[in-house]
Protein backbone atom coordinates (compact mmCIF):
# COMPACT_ATOMS: atom_id res chain seq x y z
CA MET A 1 289.90 2.41 13.53
CA ALA A 2 290.25 5.95 12.26
CA LYS A 3 293.67 7.50 12.02
CA ARG A 4 294.32 10.68 13.98
CA TYR A 5 294.45 12.74 10.78
CA GLU A 6 291.12 11.49 9.41
CA LEU A 7 288.14 13.79 9.84
CA PRO A 8 285.44 12.10 11.97
CA ASP A 9 281.94 11.71 10.52
CA ALA A 10 280.43 14.10 13.08
CA ALA A 11 282.92 16.84 12.20
CA TRP A 12 282.38 16.31 8.47
CA GLU A 13 278.61 16.68 8.90
CA LEU A 14 279.17 20.08 10.52
CA ILE A 15 281.39 21.51 7.77
CA LYS A 16 280.44 19.69 4.56
CA ASP A 17 278.05 22.43 3.41
CA LEU A 18 280.76 25.06 3.90
CA VAL A 19 283.45 23.30 1.88
CA SER A 20 281.25 21.57 -0.71
CA PRO A 21 279.02 24.19 -2.35
CA GLU A 22 276.79 23.13 -5.24
CA GLN A 23 278.66 23.39 -8.54
CA LYS A 24 276.76 23.90 -11.79
CA MET A 25 279.53 24.17 -14.38
CA GLY A 26 283.04 22.88 -15.02
CA ARG A 27 284.64 19.58 -14.29
CA PRO A 28 283.50 17.40 -11.39
CA ARG A 29 285.10 18.26 -8.06
CA SER A 30 287.43 15.98 -6.16
CA ASP A 31 286.23 14.55 -2.87
CA ASP A 32 286.60 17.44 -0.39
CA ARG A 33 286.78 15.13 2.61
CA LEU A 34 289.66 13.21 1.05
CA LEU A 35 291.43 16.50 0.33
CA LEU A 36 291.01 17.67 3.94
CA ASN A 37 292.29 14.33 5.23
CA GLY A 38 295.38 14.79 3.05
CA ILE A 39 295.98 18.27 4.46
CA PHE A 40 295.58 16.95 8.01
CA TRP A 41 298.03 14.13 7.25
CA ILE A 42 300.65 16.66 6.09
CA LEU A 43 300.12 18.75 9.23
CA CYS A 44 300.21 15.77 11.62
CA SER A 45 303.09 13.88 10.04
CA GLY A 46 305.44 16.77 9.35
CA ALA A 47 305.91 15.61 5.76
CA ALA A 48 307.13 18.27 3.34
CA TRP A 49 304.78 19.84 0.78
CA ARG A 50 305.77 19.00 -2.79
């Protein structure tokens, strides 16, 4: 069961091309979906930013 702060698969399919552009140089990117889920968790839980 997905948590309320986790981005559903259908929503991720709609926005993944906007937040995950092709990168040719530099270090490998972190998982954008995991990053968004972390931001949503902060917003939903009221936890303080560090």
